[in-house]
Amino acid sequence: MPESAGHPLKKTYDAQGHEISPQLDGEVKNYLIDIDGTVTEDVPNEEPHRMATCEPFPDALEIINKWYDQGHIITFFTSRTEEHREVTETWLDKHGFKYHGLLVGKPRGGNYHWIDNHMVRATKFNGKFTDLVKRTKEIEVFKR
């Protein structure tokens, strides 16, 4: 059985019975978490010397590690570049973040619209990590 970050993936099929991309169990969340301005101060790529010395937001460290310990997949997804990978991994490890992966090269500028054939849930960071709560909001979807 294929895995994602050590989590088994279940086979899935389309309406015609053709195998399609496998999926995680519905209870496991696949968190993609930004770094700058989300788990630490907002450090621009143009000031990489600050990446090694900034401090994590304590609530971010606590909640992210709790999600990891609950069995969720934690992947940091950052606009930092490949040249910042080593300083970023060292920083994450130094401060005790538990995670499965680091994706660099996220497009800069915000206003993200993620289009995927899998379920995507967006959570805008508003300054403090807490347990998540469900709220109903208006979203944009494709016409049928």
N, C-alpha and C. Protein backbone atom coordinates (compact mmCIF):
# COMPACT_ATOMS: atom_id res chain seq x y z
N MET A 1 0.85 -1.18 0.00
CA MET A 1 0.00 0.00 0.00
C MET A 1 0.90 1.24 0.00
N PRO A 2 0.62 2.23 -0.87
CA PRO A 2 1.44 3.44 -0.87
C PRO A 2 1.26 4.22 0.41
N GLU A 3 2.24 5.10 0.69
CA GLU A 3 2.18 5.90 1.91
C GLU A 3 2.46 7.36 1.61
N SER A 4 2.00 8.22 2.50
CA SER A 4 2.31 9.64 2.47
C SER A 4 2.82 10.00 3.86
N ALA A 5 4.11 10.33 3.94
CA ALA A 5 4.73 10.66 5.23
C ALA A 5 4.49 9.56 6.26
N GLY A 6 4.55 8.30 5.82
CA GLY A 6 4.37 7.18 6.73
C GLY A 6 2.93 6.80 6.98
N HIS A 7 1.98 7.51 6.38
CA HIS A 7 0.56 7.22 6.56
C HIS A 7 0.07 6.41 5.36
N PRO A 8 -0.65 5.32 5.61
CA PRO A 8 -1.15 4.51 4.49
C PRO A 8 -2.18 5.28 3.66
N LEU A 9 -2.12 5.09 2.38
CA LEU A 9 -3.09 5.69 1.46
C LEU A 9 -4.04 4.61 0.98
N LYS A 10 -5.33 4.93 0.90
CA LYS A 10 -6.29 3.94 0.43
C LYS A 10 -6.54 4.14 -1.06
N LYS A 11 -6.72 3.04 -1.77
CA LYS A 11 -7.01 3.11 -3.19
C LYS A 11 -8.38 3.74 -3.40
N THR A 12 -8.48 4.52 -4.45
CA THR A 12 -9.76 5.13 -4.79
C THR A 12 -10.02 4.92 -6.28
N TYR A 13 -11.30 5.01 -6.65
CA TYR A 13 -11.72 4.71 -8.02
C TYR A 13 -12.72 5.73 -8.49
N ASP A 14 -12.70 6.01 -9.80
CA ASP A 14 -13.69 6.93 -10.36
C ASP A 14 -14.99 6.18 -10.63
N ALA A 15 -15.99 6.88 -11.18
CA ALA A 15 -17.32 6.30 -11.42
C ALA A 15 -17.27 5.12 -12.38
N GLN A 16 -16.27 5.07 -13.25
CA GLN A 16 -16.14 3.95 -14.19
C GLN A 16 -15.31 2.80 -13.64
N GLY A 17 -14.86 2.94 -12.39
CA GLY A 17 -14.09 1.88 -11.76
C GLY A 17 -12.59 1.96 -12.03
N HIS A 18 -12.13 3.03 -12.65
CA HIS A 18 -10.70 3.20 -12.90
C HIS A 18 -10.01 3.71 -11.64
N GLU A 19 -8.84 3.14 -11.36
CA GLU A 19 -8.09 3.59 -10.20
C GLU A 19 -7.63 5.04 -10.41
N ILE A 20 -7.78 5.85 -9.38
CA ILE A 20 -7.31 7.23 -9.41
C ILE A 20 -6.36 7.45 -8.23
N SER A 21 -5.87 8.65 -8.05
CA SER A 21 -4.89 8.93 -6.99
C SER A 21 -5.41 8.45 -5.63
N PRO A 22 -4.55 7.76 -4.87
CA PRO A 22 -4.96 7.30 -3.55
C PRO A 22 -5.15 8.46 -2.59
N GLN A 23 -5.87 8.22 -1.50
CA GLN A 23 -6.16 9.27 -0.52
C GLN A 23 -5.86 8.80 0.89
N LEU A 24 -5.60 9.78 1.74
CA LEU A 24 -5.43 9.51 3.16
C LEU A 24 -6.77 9.13 3.78
N ASP A 25 -6.70 8.46 4.90
CA ASP A 25 -7.89 8.23 5.71
C ASP A 25 -8.48 9.60 6.03
N GLY A 26 -9.78 9.71 6.06
CA GLY A 26 -10.46 10.99 6.28
C GLY A 26 -10.13 11.67 7.59
N GLU A 27 -9.62 10.94 8.56
CA GLU A 27 -9.29 11.53 9.86
C GLU A 27 -7.92 12.20 9.88
N VAL A 28 -7.06 11.85 8.93
CA VAL A 28 -5.71 12.42 8.89
C VAL A 28 -5.73 13.67 8.03
N LYS A 29 -5.24 14.77 8.62
CA LYS A 29 -5.17 16.03 7.88
C LYS A 29 -3.76 16.22 7.35
N ASN A 30 -3.68 16.82 6.18
CA ASN A 30 -2.43 17.10 5.50
C ASN A 30 -2.21 18.61 5.59
N TYR A 31 -1.53 19.06 6.65
CA TYR A 31 -1.36 20.49 6.87
C TYR A 31 -0.20 21.03 6.03
N LEU A 32 -0.45 22.09 5.27
CA LEU A 32 0.59 22.87 4.58
C LEU A 32 0.65 24.20 5.33
N ILE A 33 1.79 24.48 5.95
CA ILE A 33 1.90 25.62 6.85
C ILE A 33 3.01 26.56 6.39
N ASP A 34 2.67 27.82 6.23
CA ASP A 34 3.64 28.85 5.88
C ASP A 34 4.56 29.08 7.08
N ILE A 35 5.71 29.70 6.83
CA ILE A 35 6.65 29.97 7.92
C ILE A 35 6.67 31.46 8.28
N ASP A 36 7.09 32.31 7.34
CA ASP A 36 7.28 33.73 7.65
C ASP A 36 5.96 34.45 7.81
N GLY A 37 5.78 35.04 9.00
CA GLY A 37 4.54 35.72 9.32
C GLY A 37 3.47 34.79 9.87
N THR A 38 3.79 33.49 9.93
CA THR A 38 2.81 32.51 10.40
C THR A 38 3.31 31.75 11.62
N VAL A 39 4.52 31.20 11.56
CA VAL A 39 5.08 30.52 12.72
C VAL A 39 6.22 31.32 13.35
N THR A 40 6.62 32.38 12.68
CA THR A 40 7.64 33.31 13.20
C THR A 40 7.39 34.67 12.57
N GLU A 41 8.20 35.65 12.95
CA GLU A 41 8.06 36.98 12.36
C GLU A 41 8.18 36.89 10.84
N ASP A 42 7.69 37.90 10.14
CA ASP A 42 7.70 37.92 8.69
C ASP A 42 9.08 38.35 8.20
N VAL A 43 9.90 37.37 7.82
CA VAL A 43 11.27 37.62 7.35
C VAL A 43 11.28 37.51 5.83
N PRO A 44 11.58 38.61 5.12
CA PRO A 44 11.60 38.52 3.66
C PRO A 44 12.84 37.79 3.15
N ASN A 45 12.74 37.20 1.99
CA ASN A 45 13.87 36.48 1.39
C ASN A 45 15.09 37.39 1.19
N GLU A 46 14.85 38.68 1.08
CA GLU A 46 15.94 39.63 0.87
C GLU A 46 16.78 39.85 2.13
N GLU A 47 16.35 39.31 3.27
CA GLU A 47 17.09 39.45 4.53
C GLU A 47 17.33 38.07 5.16
N PRO A 48 18.01 37.17 4.43
CA PRO A 48 18.17 35.80 4.92
C PRO A 48 18.94 35.67 6.23
N HIS A 49 19.75 36.67 6.60
CA HIS A 49 20.49 36.61 7.85
C HIS A 49 19.55 36.55 9.06
N ARG A 50 18.33 37.05 8.92
CA ARG A 50 17.34 37.02 10.01
C ARG A 50 16.69 35.65 10.16
N MET A 51 16.76 34.81 9.13
CA MET A 51 16.08 33.51 9.17
C MET A 51 16.63 32.60 10.27
N ALA A 52 17.91 32.74 10.58
CA ALA A 52 18.53 31.88 11.59
C ALA A 52 18.29 32.36 13.00
N THR A 53 17.94 33.64 13.17
CA THR A 53 17.88 34.20 14.52
C THR A 53 16.47 34.54 14.99
N CYS A 54 15.48 34.50 14.12
CA CYS A 54 14.12 34.83 14.55
C CYS A 54 13.60 33.75 15.51
N GLU A 55 12.64 34.13 16.30
CA GLU A 55 12.07 33.22 17.30
C GLU A 55 10.70 32.72 16.82
N PRO A 56 10.37 31.47 17.11
CA PRO A 56 9.05 30.98 16.74
C PRO A 56 7.97 31.56 17.64
N PHE A 57 6.76 31.63 17.12
CA PHE A 57 5.62 31.99 17.96
C PHE A 57 5.31 30.77 18.83
N PRO A 58 5.31 30.91 20.16
CA PRO A 58 5.12 29.75 21.04
C PRO A 58 3.84 28.97 20.75
N ASP A 59 2.75 29.68 20.47
CA ASP A 59 1.50 28.98 20.20
C ASP A 59 1.60 28.15 18.93
N ALA A 60 2.38 28.59 17.95
CA ALA A 60 2.55 27.84 16.71
C ALA A 60 3.27 26.53 16.98
N LEU A 61 4.36 26.60 17.71
CA LEU A 61 5.13 25.40 18.04
C LEU A 61 4.26 24.40 18.79
N GLU A 62 3.52 24.86 19.76
CA GLU A 62 2.67 23.98 20.58
C GLU A 62 1.59 23.30 19.73
N ILE A 63 0.86 24.07 18.95
CA ILE A 63 -0.26 23.51 18.17
C ILE A 63 0.24 22.60 17.05
N ILE A 64 1.27 23.03 16.32
CA ILE A 64 1.79 22.21 15.22
C ILE A 64 2.31 20.89 15.74
N ASN A 65 3.05 20.91 16.84
CA ASN A 65 3.56 19.65 17.40
C ASN A 65 2.42 18.79 17.93
N LYS A 66 1.36 19.41 18.43
CA LYS A 66 0.18 18.65 18.88
C LYS A 66 -0.46 17.94 17.68
N TRP A 67 -0.61 18.67 16.56
CA TRP A 67 -1.19 18.05 15.36
C TRP A 67 -0.32 16.89 14.88
N TYR A 68 0.99 17.07 14.90
CA TYR A 68 1.91 16.01 14.51
C TYR A 68 1.70 14.79 15.42
N ASP A 69 1.67 15.02 16.73
CA ASP A 69 1.51 13.93 17.69
C ASP A 69 0.15 13.24 17.55
N GLN A 70 -0.85 13.96 17.05
CA GLN A 70 -2.18 13.36 16.81
C GLN A 70 -2.20 12.52 15.53
N GLY A 71 -1.11 12.52 14.79
CA GLY A 71 -1.03 11.69 13.59
C GLY A 71 -1.27 12.42 12.28
N HIS A 72 -1.35 13.74 12.32
CA HIS A 72 -1.55 14.50 11.08
C HIS A 72 -0.20 14.72 10.39
N ILE A 73 -0.25 15.04 9.11
CA ILE A 73 0.96 15.28 8.33
C ILE A 73 1.24 16.78 8.34
N ILE A 74 2.46 17.13 8.70
CA ILE A 74 2.88 18.53 8.77
C ILE A 74 3.93 18.76 7.69
N THR A 75 3.60 19.67 6.78
CA THR A 75 4.55 20.09 5.74
C THR A 75 4.61 21.60 5.74
N PHE A 76 5.80 22.13 5.88
CA PHE A 76 5.96 23.57 5.78
C PHE A 76 6.08 23.93 4.30
N PHE A 77 5.35 24.96 3.89
CA PHE A 77 5.26 25.40 2.49
C PHE A 77 5.57 26.89 2.50
N THR A 78 6.75 27.26 2.01
CA THR A 78 7.25 28.61 2.21
C THR A 78 7.72 29.26 0.91
N SER A 79 7.69 30.57 0.90
CA SER A 79 8.22 31.32 -0.24
C SER A 79 9.74 31.44 -0.18
N ARG A 80 10.32 30.94 0.88
CA ARG A 80 11.79 30.89 0.91
C ARG A 80 12.25 30.04 -0.27
N THR A 81 13.46 30.28 -0.74
CA THR A 81 13.94 29.58 -1.93
C THR A 81 14.80 28.38 -1.55
N GLU A 82 15.20 27.63 -2.56
CA GLU A 82 16.05 26.46 -2.34
C GLU A 82 17.34 26.85 -1.61
N GLU A 83 17.85 28.04 -1.89
CA GLU A 83 19.09 28.48 -1.23
C GLU A 83 18.86 28.72 0.27
N HIS A 84 17.61 28.83 0.70
CA HIS A 84 17.28 29.02 2.12
C HIS A 84 16.91 27.71 2.82
N ARG A 85 16.92 26.59 2.09
CA ARG A 85 16.47 25.32 2.67
C ARG A 85 17.27 24.94 3.92
N GLU A 86 18.59 24.98 3.83
CA GLU A 86 19.41 24.52 4.95
C GLU A 86 19.18 25.36 6.21
N VAL A 87 19.18 26.69 6.09
CA VAL A 87 18.97 27.54 7.25
C VAL A 87 17.56 27.32 7.82
N THR A 88 16.60 27.05 6.94
CA THR A 88 15.22 26.83 7.38
C THR A 88 15.08 25.51 8.13
N GLU A 89 15.64 24.43 7.58
CA GLU A 89 15.58 23.13 8.26
C GLU A 89 16.30 23.19 9.60
N THR A 90 17.46 23.84 9.62
CA THR A 90 18.21 23.99 10.88
C THR A 90 17.38 24.74 11.91
N TRP A 91 16.71 25.82 11.47
CA TRP A 91 15.89 26.62 12.37
C TRP A 91 14.71 25.81 12.91
N LEU A 92 14.01 25.08 12.03
CA LEU A 92 12.87 24.26 12.46
C LEU A 92 13.32 23.22 13.49
N ASP A 93 14.43 22.55 13.20
CA ASP A 93 14.94 21.52 14.11
C ASP A 93 15.41 22.12 15.44
N LYS A 94 16.11 23.25 15.38
CA LYS A 94 16.63 23.92 16.59
C LYS A 94 15.49 24.26 17.55
N HIS A 95 14.36 24.66 17.00
CA HIS A 95 13.24 25.08 17.85
C HIS A 95 12.27 23.95 18.18
N GLY A 96 12.54 22.76 17.67
CA GLY A 96 11.74 21.60 18.07
C GLY A 96 10.46 21.38 17.29
N PHE A 97 10.34 21.96 16.10
CA PHE A 97 9.16 21.70 15.29
C PHE A 97 9.21 20.27 14.78
N LYS A 98 8.09 19.57 14.90
CA LYS A 98 7.95 18.22 14.35
C LYS A 98 7.27 18.37 13.00
N TYR A 99 7.86 17.78 11.97
CA TYR A 99 7.27 17.92 10.64
C TYR A 99 7.74 16.79 9.73
N HIS A 100 7.03 16.62 8.65
CA HIS A 100 7.32 15.57 7.69
C HIS A 100 8.05 16.07 6.46
N GLY A 101 7.83 17.34 6.10
CA GLY A 101 8.46 17.84 4.89
C GLY A 101 8.53 19.36 4.85
N LEU A 102 9.36 19.85 3.94
CA LEU A 102 9.52 21.27 3.71
C LEU A 102 9.49 21.51 2.20
N LEU A 103 8.52 22.29 1.75
CA LEU A 103 8.42 22.68 0.35
C LEU A 103 8.81 24.15 0.25
N VAL A 104 9.79 24.45 -0.58
CA VAL A 104 10.21 25.84 -0.78
C VAL A 104 9.76 26.30 -2.15
N GLY A 105 9.80 27.61 -2.35
CA GLY A 105 9.46 28.16 -3.66
C GLY A 105 8.00 28.48 -3.85
N LYS A 106 7.23 28.59 -2.77
CA LYS A 106 5.82 29.00 -2.89
C LYS A 106 5.81 30.37 -3.55
N PRO A 107 4.91 30.62 -4.49
CA PRO A 107 4.85 31.95 -5.10
C PRO A 107 4.62 33.03 -4.05
N ARG A 108 5.26 34.16 -4.25
CA ARG A 108 5.13 35.27 -3.31
C ARG A 108 3.93 36.14 -3.68
N GLY A 109 3.42 36.87 -2.71
CA GLY A 109 2.42 37.88 -3.00
C GLY A 109 1.02 37.60 -2.47
N GLY A 110 0.76 36.42 -1.96
CA GLY A 110 -0.57 36.14 -1.42
C GLY A 110 -1.63 35.97 -2.48
N ASN A 111 -2.90 36.17 -2.07
CA ASN A 111 -4.06 35.99 -2.93
C ASN A 111 -4.04 34.61 -3.60
N TYR A 112 -3.78 33.60 -2.81
CA TYR A 112 -3.63 32.24 -3.33
C TYR A 112 -4.98 31.62 -3.68
N HIS A 113 -5.02 30.94 -4.79
CA HIS A 113 -6.18 30.16 -5.22
C HIS A 113 -5.64 28.78 -5.57
N TRP A 114 -5.92 27.81 -4.71
CA TRP A 114 -5.41 26.46 -4.90
C TRP A 114 -6.49 25.67 -5.61
N ILE A 115 -6.15 25.14 -6.77
CA ILE A 115 -7.09 24.33 -7.55
C ILE A 115 -6.57 22.90 -7.57
N ASP A 116 -7.39 21.98 -7.13
CA ASP A 116 -6.97 20.60 -6.96
C ASP A 116 -8.17 19.69 -7.14
N ASN A 117 -7.93 18.44 -7.50
CA ASN A 117 -9.05 17.49 -7.58
C ASN A 117 -9.33 16.82 -6.23
N HIS A 118 -8.54 17.16 -5.23
CA HIS A 118 -8.76 16.65 -3.88
C HIS A 118 -9.34 17.77 -3.00
N MET A 119 -9.93 17.39 -1.90
CA MET A 119 -10.50 18.35 -0.95
C MET A 119 -9.43 19.30 -0.46
N VAL A 120 -9.72 20.59 -0.54
CA VAL A 120 -8.81 21.61 -0.03
C VAL A 120 -9.59 22.48 0.94
N ARG A 121 -9.02 22.70 2.09
CA ARG A 121 -9.62 23.61 3.07
C ARG A 121 -8.58 24.68 3.35
N ALA A 122 -8.98 25.91 3.30
CA ALA A 122 -8.07 27.02 3.54
C ALA A 122 -8.34 27.62 4.91
N THR A 123 -7.26 27.94 5.62
CA THR A 123 -7.38 28.57 6.91
C THR A 123 -6.43 29.76 6.93
N LYS A 124 -6.98 30.95 7.01
CA LYS A 124 -6.16 32.16 7.03
C LYS A 124 -5.65 32.38 8.45
N PHE A 125 -4.34 32.54 8.55
CA PHE A 125 -3.72 32.80 9.85
C PHE A 125 -3.99 34.24 10.27
N ASN A 126 -4.50 34.43 11.47
CA ASN A 126 -4.85 35.75 11.97
C ASN A 126 -4.07 36.14 13.22
N GLY A 127 -2.85 35.64 13.37
CA GLY A 127 -2.01 36.11 14.45
C GLY A 127 -1.83 35.18 15.63
N LYS A 128 -2.59 34.11 15.73
CA LYS A 128 -2.43 33.20 16.86
C LYS A 128 -2.87 31.80 16.46
N PHE A 129 -2.05 30.81 16.81
CA PHE A 129 -2.41 29.42 16.60
C PHE A 129 -3.27 28.96 17.76
N THR A 130 -4.39 28.33 17.45
CA THR A 130 -5.28 27.74 18.44
C THR A 130 -5.80 26.45 17.83
N ASP A 131 -6.59 25.72 18.57
CA ASP A 131 -7.30 24.61 17.97
C ASP A 131 -8.22 25.20 16.90
N LEU A 132 -8.48 24.45 15.85
CA LEU A 132 -9.34 24.93 14.77
C LEU A 132 -10.81 24.73 15.12
N VAL A 133 -11.64 25.64 14.67
CA VAL A 133 -13.09 25.51 14.81
C VAL A 133 -13.70 25.59 13.42
N LYS A 134 -14.88 25.02 13.24
CA LYS A 134 -15.54 25.04 11.93
C LYS A 134 -16.43 26.28 11.83
N ARG A 135 -16.32 26.96 10.69
CA ARG A 135 -17.16 28.10 10.37
C ARG A 135 -17.58 27.95 8.91
N THR A 136 -18.75 28.43 8.59
CA THR A 136 -19.21 28.40 7.21
C THR A 136 -18.92 29.74 6.57
N LYS A 137 -18.24 29.72 5.42
CA LYS A 137 -17.88 30.94 4.71
C LYS A 137 -18.22 30.76 3.23
N GLU A 138 -18.38 31.87 2.56
CA GLU A 138 -18.59 31.84 1.12
C GLU A 138 -17.27 31.48 0.43
N ILE A 139 -17.34 30.60 -0.57
CA ILE A 139 -16.17 30.23 -1.34
C ILE A 139 -16.47 30.33 -2.83
N GLU A 140 -15.41 30.40 -3.62
CA GLU A 140 -15.56 30.38 -5.07
C GLU A 140 -15.40 28.94 -5.54
N VAL A 141 -16.28 28.51 -6.43
CA VAL A 141 -16.20 27.16 -7.00
C VAL A 141 -16.40 27.26 -8.51
N PHE A 142 -16.04 26.19 -9.23
CA PHE A 142 -16.26 26.15 -10.66
C PHE A 142 -17.73 25.95 -10.96
N LYS A 143 -18.22 26.56 -12.06
CA LYS A 143 -19.60 26.35 -12.49
C LYS A 143 -19.77 24.89 -12.87
N ARG A 144 -20.98 24.41 -12.71
CA ARG A 144 -21.29 23.04 -13.14
C ARG A 144 -21.99 23.09 -14.45
